[in-house]
């Protein structure tokens, strides 16, 4: 697949077929993440791979519990009371991209580095016929370090990028994009 086709074709997918992702493909996805650039080549990311449906559901339920303790508009809060997996969308594959906790000045750098790793992973997944999505609500799991430790995130690490992958039920049409250059200095 041509890179431009991969970039333009990838979508955030929130509905997956009940079909596992092979270890070979998971290895390709994680390998692509490891090849991302990082500040001073620190390669700060660590990956936790979760395929177990009960574990993913447990994490989803915990996120909803945390979110229900906060103020949200009613239409959003309604999603958090559903018995369905409205956080990780029934994904067959959840990858938690984590980093070692550092002083606050490094947190933003690590967040950007993990974002670069995530995009590499998304493109690799798309090339393999998978859908993917960055789940921002998943970061609320950082409020429960004991649960994160249960799934393999050491207590001296934090979750930066909860990513879901799977075979899409369908692929939505692209939304229009605009290139918005503030200024071009020559």
C-alpha atoms as a PDB file:
ATOM      1  CA  UNK A   1       0.000   0.000   0.000  1.00  0.00           C
ATOM      2  CA  UNK A   2       1.293   3.452  -0.847  1.00  0.00           C
ATOM      3  CA  UNK A   3       1.971   5.680   2.156  1.00  0.00           C
ATOM      4  CA  UNK A   4      -0.349   8.453   0.932  1.00  0.00           C
ATOM      5  CA  UNK A   5      -3.185   5.941   0.528  1.00  0.00           C
ATOM      6  CA  UNK A   6      -2.524   4.662   4.031  1.00  0.00           C
ATOM      7  CA  UNK A   7      -2.549   8.168   5.534  1.00  0.00           C
ATOM      8  CA  UNK A   8      -5.702   9.231   3.670  1.00  0.00           C
ATOM      9  CA  UNK A   9      -7.516   5.910   4.157  1.00  0.00           C
ATOM     10  CA  UNK A  10      -7.094   5.330   7.882  1.00  0.00           C
ATOM     11  CA  UNK A  11     -10.114   6.175  10.045  1.00  0.00           C
ATOM     12  CA  UNK A  12     -10.920   6.039  13.732  1.00  0.00           C
ATOM     13  CA  UNK A  13     -12.958   2.853  14.031  1.00  0.00           C
ATOM     14  CA  UNK A  14     -15.324   2.179  16.927  1.00  0.00           C
ATOM     15  CA  UNK A  15     -17.082  -1.020  15.769  1.00  0.00           C
ATOM     16  CA  UNK A  16     -15.188  -4.282  15.368  1.00  0.00           C
ATOM     17  CA  UNK A  17     -15.902  -7.794  14.191  1.00  0.00           C
ATOM     18  CA  UNK A  18     -15.592 -10.504  16.817  1.00  0.00           C
ATOM     19  CA  UNK A  19     -12.380 -11.764  15.258  1.00  0.00           C
ATOM     20  CA  UNK A  20      -8.987 -11.985  16.952  1.00  0.00           C
ATOM     21  CA  UNK A  21      -5.883 -10.307  15.557  1.00  0.00           C
ATOM     22  CA  UNK A  22      -3.043 -12.724  14.888  1.00  0.00           C
ATOM     23  CA  UNK A  23       0.159 -12.507  16.909  1.00  0.00           C
ATOM     24  CA  UNK A  24       2.063 -11.887  13.681  1.00  0.00           C
ATOM     25  CA  UNK A  25       0.025  -8.757  12.978  1.00  0.00           C
ATOM     26  CA  UNK A  26       0.197  -7.588  16.614  1.00  0.00           C
ATOM     27  CA  UNK A  27       3.987  -7.921  16.420  1.00  0.00           C
ATOM     28  CA  UNK A  28       4.013  -5.794  13.229  1.00  0.00           C
ATOM     29  CA  UNK A  29       1.868  -3.124  14.867  1.00  0.00           C
ATOM     30  CA  UNK A  30       4.010  -2.912  17.987  1.00  0.00           C
ATOM     31  CA  UNK A  31       7.178  -3.022  15.898  1.00  0.00           C
ATOM     32  CA  UNK A  32       5.934  -0.028  13.912  1.00  0.00           C
ATOM     33  CA  UNK A  33       5.380   1.833  17.180  1.00  0.00           C
ATOM     34  CA  UNK A  34       8.918   1.081  18.303  1.00  0.00           C
ATOM     35  CA  UNK A  35      10.265   2.629  15.079  1.00  0.00           C
ATOM     36  CA  UNK A  36       8.686   6.011  15.825  1.00  0.00           C
ATOM     37  CA  UNK A  37      10.975   8.978  16.383  1.00  0.00           C
ATOM     38  CA  UNK A  38      11.415  10.161  19.958  1.00  0.00           C
ATOM     39  CA  UNK A  39      13.071  13.099  21.683  1.00  0.00           C
ATOM     40  CA  UNK A  40      16.819  12.416  21.937  1.00  0.00           C
ATOM     41  CA  UNK A  41      16.018   8.846  20.791  1.00  0.00           C
ATOM     42  CA  UNK A  42      14.860   7.945  24.305  1.00  0.00           C
ATOM     43  CA  UNK A  43      12.263   5.486  22.980  1.00  0.00           C
ATOM     44  CA  UNK A  44      10.280   5.908  26.223  1.00  0.00           C
ATOM     45  CA  UNK A  45       7.282   3.743  25.278  1.00  0.00           C
ATOM     46  CA  UNK A  46       6.415   0.389  26.800  1.00  0.00           C
ATOM     47  CA  UNK A  47       3.487  -1.679  25.563  1.00  0.00           C
ATOM     48  CA  UNK A  48       0.887  -3.740  27.381  1.00  0.00           C
ATOM     49  CA  UNK A  49      -1.087  -5.940  24.987  1.00  0.00           C
ATOM     50  CA  UNK A  50      -4.537  -7.095  26.112  1.00  0.00           C
ATOM     51  CA  UNK A  51      -6.658  -9.511  24.103  1.00  0.00           C
ATOM     52  CA  UNK A  52      -8.691 -10.963  26.956  1.00  0.00           C
ATOM     53  CA  UNK A  53     -12.308  -9.772  26.625  1.00  0.00           C
ATOM     54  CA  UNK A  54     -13.029  -9.976  30.381  1.00  0.00           C
ATOM     55  CA  UNK A  55      -9.987  -7.840  31.161  1.00  0.00           C
ATOM     56  CA  UNK A  56     -10.896  -5.249  28.529  1.00  0.00           C
ATOM     57  CA  UNK A  57     -14.457  -5.120  29.910  1.00  0.00           C
ATOM     58  CA  UNK A  58     -13.116  -4.703  33.459  1.00  0.00           C
ATOM     59  CA  UNK A  59     -10.976  -1.753  32.344  1.00  0.00           C
ATOM     60  CA  UNK A  60     -13.916  -0.240  30.464  1.00  0.00           C
ATOM     61  CA  UNK A  61     -16.196  -0.543  33.507  1.00  0.00           C
ATOM     62  CA  UNK A  62     -13.563   1.091  35.728  1.00  0.00           C
ATOM     63  CA  UNK A  63     -13.174   4.016  33.341  1.00  0.00           C
ATOM     64  CA  UNK A  64     -16.949   4.507  33.395  1.00  0.00           C
ATOM     65  CA  UNK A  65     -16.985   4.430  37.215  1.00  0.00           C
ATOM     66  CA  UNK A  66     -14.302   7.113  37.325  1.00  0.00           C
ATOM     67  CA  UNK A  67     -16.085   9.240  34.731  1.00  0.00           C
ATOM     68  CA  UNK A  68     -19.446   8.967  36.507  1.00  0.00           C
ATOM     69  CA  UNK A  69     -17.831  10.671  39.504  1.00  0.00           C
ATOM     70  CA  UNK A  70     -17.202  13.745  37.376  1.00  0.00           C
ATOM     71  CA  UNK A  71     -19.381  16.420  35.821  1.00  0.00           C
ATOM     72  CA  UNK A  72     -20.416  15.727  32.209  1.00  0.00           C
ATOM     73  CA  UNK A  73     -23.262  16.818  29.942  1.00  0.00           C
ATOM     74  CA  UNK A  74     -26.208  14.397  30.226  1.00  0.00           C
ATOM     75  CA  UNK A  75     -25.819  13.026  26.685  1.00  0.00           C
ATOM     76  CA  UNK A  76     -22.206  12.040  27.427  1.00  0.00           C
ATOM     77  CA  UNK A  77     -22.888  10.800  30.956  1.00  0.00           C
ATOM     78  CA  UNK A  78     -25.525   8.425  29.548  1.00  0.00           C
ATOM     79  CA  UNK A  79     -22.755   6.499  27.764  1.00  0.00           C
ATOM     80  CA  UNK A  80     -21.081   5.822  31.108  1.00  0.00           C
ATOM     81  CA  UNK A  81     -24.148   4.066  32.550  1.00  0.00           C
ATOM     82  CA  UNK A  82     -24.493   1.587  29.684  1.00  0.00           C
ATOM     83  CA  UNK A  83     -23.691  -2.069  30.309  1.00  0.00           C
ATOM     84  CA  UNK A  84     -22.079  -2.171  26.875  1.00  0.00           C
ATOM     85  CA  UNK A  85     -18.396  -1.464  26.365  1.00  0.00           C
ATOM     86  CA  UNK A  86     -18.783   2.199  25.439  1.00  0.00           C
ATOM     87  CA  UNK A  87     -15.140   2.942  26.217  1.00  0.00           C
ATOM     88  CA  UNK A  88     -13.158   0.344  24.233  1.00  0.00           C
ATOM     89  CA  UNK A  89     -16.023  -0.536  21.841  1.00  0.00           C
ATOM     90  CA  UNK A  90     -15.780  -4.310  22.088  1.00  0.00           C
ATOM     91  CA  UNK A  91     -12.300  -4.327  20.601  1.00  0.00           C
ATOM     92  CA  UNK A  92     -10.461  -7.629  20.316  1.00  0.00           C
ATOM     93  CA  UNK A  93      -7.114  -5.863  20.928  1.00  0.00           C
ATOM     94  CA  UNK A  94      -6.234  -3.126  23.396  1.00  0.00           C
ATOM     95  CA  UNK A  95      -2.681  -1.813  23.530  1.00  0.00           C
ATOM     96  CA  UNK A  96      -1.688   0.460  26.391  1.00  0.00           C
ATOM     97  CA  UNK A  97       1.279   2.647  25.516  1.00  0.00           C
ATOM     98  CA  UNK A  98       2.968   3.603  28.773  1.00  0.00           C
ATOM     99  CA  UNK A  99       6.050   5.482  29.926  1.00  0.00           C
ATOM    100  CA  UNK A 100       8.051   5.689  33.104  1.00  0.00           C
ATOM    101  CA  UNK A 101       6.870   8.617  35.231  1.00  0.00           C
ATOM    102  CA  UNK A 102       9.337  11.482  35.006  1.00  0.00           C
ATOM    103  CA  UNK A 103       9.509  15.029  36.208  1.00  0.00           C
ATOM    104  CA  UNK A 104       6.680  17.143  34.753  1.00  0.00           C
ATOM    105  CA  UNK A 105       8.902  18.806  32.139  1.00  0.00           C
ATOM    106  CA  UNK A 106       9.388  15.404  30.448  1.00  0.00           C
ATOM    107  CA  UNK A 107       5.702  14.450  30.487  1.00  0.00           C
ATOM    108  CA  UNK A 108       4.804  16.521  27.427  1.00  0.00           C
ATOM    109  CA  UNK A 109       7.795  15.160  25.503  1.00  0.00           C
ATOM    110  CA  UNK A 110       6.801  11.597  26.400  1.00  0.00           C
ATOM    111  CA  UNK A 111       3.202  12.278  25.423  1.00  0.00           C
ATOM    112  CA  UNK A 112       4.303  13.519  22.000  1.00  0.00           C
ATOM    113  CA  UNK A 113       6.643  10.557  21.563  1.00  0.00           C
ATOM    114  CA  UNK A 114       3.830   8.128  22.400  1.00  0.00           C
ATOM    115  CA  UNK A 115       1.564   9.952  19.950  1.00  0.00           C
ATOM    116  CA  UNK A 116       4.142   9.416  17.221  1.00  0.00           C
ATOM    117  CA  UNK A 117       4.359   5.731  18.138  1.00  0.00           C
ATOM    118  CA  UNK A 118       0.542   5.498  18.085  1.00  0.00           C
ATOM    119  CA  UNK A 119       0.310   6.965  14.580  1.00  0.00           C
ATOM    120  CA  UNK A 120       2.924   4.507  13.298  1.00  0.00           C
ATOM    121  CA  UNK A 121       0.886   1.718  14.874  1.00  0.00           C
ATOM    122  CA  UNK A 122      -2.338   2.987  13.311  1.00  0.00           C
ATOM    123  CA  UNK A 123      -0.805   3.114   9.837  1.00  0.00           C
ATOM    124  CA  UNK A 124       0.697  -0.364  10.198  1.00  0.00           C
ATOM    125  CA  UNK A 125      -2.683  -1.673  11.378  1.00  0.00           C
ATOM    126  CA  UNK A 126      -4.494  -0.090   8.450  1.00  0.00           C
ATOM    127  CA  UNK A 127      -2.018  -1.639   6.038  1.00  0.00           C
ATOM    128  CA  UNK A 128      -2.926  -5.030   7.550  1.00  0.00           C
ATOM    129  CA  UNK A 129      -6.673  -4.420   7.100  1.00  0.00           C
ATOM    130  CA  UNK A 130      -7.373  -3.378  10.691  1.00  0.00           C
ATOM    131  CA  UNK A 131      -9.161  -0.398  12.140  1.00  0.00           C
ATOM    132  CA  UNK A 132      -7.893   1.537  15.136  1.00  0.00           C
ATOM    133  CA  UNK A 133      -8.728   4.366  17.495  1.00  0.00           C
ATOM    134  CA  UNK A 134      -7.037   6.407  20.219  1.00  0.00           C
ATOM    135  CA  UNK A 135      -9.265   6.255  23.321  1.00  0.00           C
ATOM    136  CA  UNK A 136      -8.694   9.438  25.309  1.00  0.00           C
ATOM    137  CA  UNK A 137     -11.129   8.408  28.060  1.00  0.00           C
ATOM    138  CA  UNK A 138      -8.890   5.413  28.705  1.00  0.00           C
ATOM    139  CA  UNK A 139      -6.280   7.715  30.238  1.00  0.00           C
ATOM    140  CA  UNK A 140      -8.539   8.064  33.275  1.00  0.00           C
ATOM    141  CA  UNK A 141      -7.221   4.612  34.248  1.00  0.00           C
ATOM    142  CA  UNK A 142      -4.178   6.493  35.566  1.00  0.00           C
ATOM    143  CA  UNK A 143      -6.416   7.301  38.539  1.00  0.00           C
ATOM    144  CA  UNK A 144      -6.376   3.596  39.439  1.00  0.00           C
ATOM    145  CA  UNK A 145      -2.702   2.542  39.525  1.00  0.00           C
ATOM    146  CA  UNK A 146      -3.592  -0.713  41.291  1.00  0.00           C
ATOM    147  CA  UNK A 147      -5.788  -1.834  38.393  1.00  0.00           C
ATOM    148  CA  UNK A 148      -3.140  -0.784  35.894  1.00  0.00           C
ATOM    149  CA  UNK A 149      -0.583  -2.798  37.875  1.00  0.00           C
ATOM    150  CA  UNK A 150      -2.901  -5.832  37.620  1.00  0.00           C
ATOM    151  CA  UNK A 151      -2.628  -5.692  33.827  1.00  0.00           C
ATOM    152  CA  UNK A 152       1.113  -5.137  33.775  1.00  0.00           C
ATOM    153  CA  UNK A 153       1.671  -1.378  34.024  1.00  0.00           C
ATOM    154  CA  UNK A 154       4.271  -0.867  36.783  1.00  0.00           C
ATOM    155  CA  UNK A 155       3.330   1.696  39.423  1.00  0.00           C
ATOM    156  CA  UNK A 156       6.254   3.883  38.371  1.00  0.00           C
ATOM    157  CA  UNK A 157       4.734   4.150  34.858  1.00  0.00           C
ATOM    158  CA  UNK A 158       1.732   5.998  33.498  1.00  0.00           C
ATOM    159  CA  UNK A 159      -0.622   5.313  30.633  1.00  0.00           C
ATOM    160  CA  UNK A 160      -0.157   7.742  27.753  1.00  0.00           C
ATOM    161  CA  UNK A 161      -2.030   6.205  24.833  1.00  0.00           C
ATOM    162  CA  UNK A 162      -4.820   3.617  25.094  1.00  0.00           C
ATOM    163  CA  UNK A 163      -5.204   2.229  21.567  1.00  0.00           C
ATOM    164  CA  UNK A 164      -7.778  -0.191  20.168  1.00  0.00           C
ATOM    165  CA  UNK A 165      -7.427  -2.365  17.076  1.00  0.00           C
ATOM    166  CA  UNK A 166      -9.537  -4.871  15.204  1.00  0.00           C
ATOM    167  CA  UNK A 167     -11.235  -5.787  11.964  1.00  0.00           C
ATOM    168  CA  UNK A 168     -13.759  -3.017  11.257  1.00  0.00           C
ATOM    169  CA  UNK A 169     -17.457  -3.695  10.856  1.00  0.00           C
ATOM    170  CA  UNK A 170     -17.409  -0.883   8.297  1.00  0.00           C
ATOM    171  CA  UNK A 171     -15.183   2.016   7.319  1.00  0.00           C
ATOM    172  CA  UNK A 172     -16.778   5.453   7.435  1.00  0.00           C
ATOM    173  CA  UNK A 173     -16.368   7.931   4.622  1.00  0.00           C
ATOM    174  CA  UNK A 174     -13.666  10.522   5.204  1.00  0.00           C
ATOM    175  CA  UNK A 175     -14.616  13.892   6.561  1.00  0.00           C
ATOM    176  CA  UNK A 176     -13.296  16.849   4.575  1.00  0.00           C
ATOM    177  CA  UNK A 177      -9.890  18.159   5.552  1.00  0.00           C
ATOM    178  CA  UNK A 178      -8.482  21.645   5.167  1.00  0.00           C
ATOM    179  CA  UNK A 179      -4.859  22.633   5.145  1.00  0.00           C
ATOM    180  CA  UNK A 180      -4.708  25.659   7.446  1.00  0.00           C
ATOM    181  CA  UNK A 181      -1.367  27.404   7.110  1.00  0.00           C
ATOM    182  CA  UNK A 182      -1.194  30.404   9.428  1.00  0.00           C
ATOM    183  CA  UNK A 183       1.722  31.935   7.568  1.00  0.00           C
ATOM    184  CA  UNK A 184       4.295  30.874   5.000  1.00  0.00           C
ATOM    185  CA  UNK A 185       7.511  32.835   5.235  1.00  0.00           C
ATOM    186  CA  UNK A 186       9.908  32.686   2.305  1.00  0.00           C
END
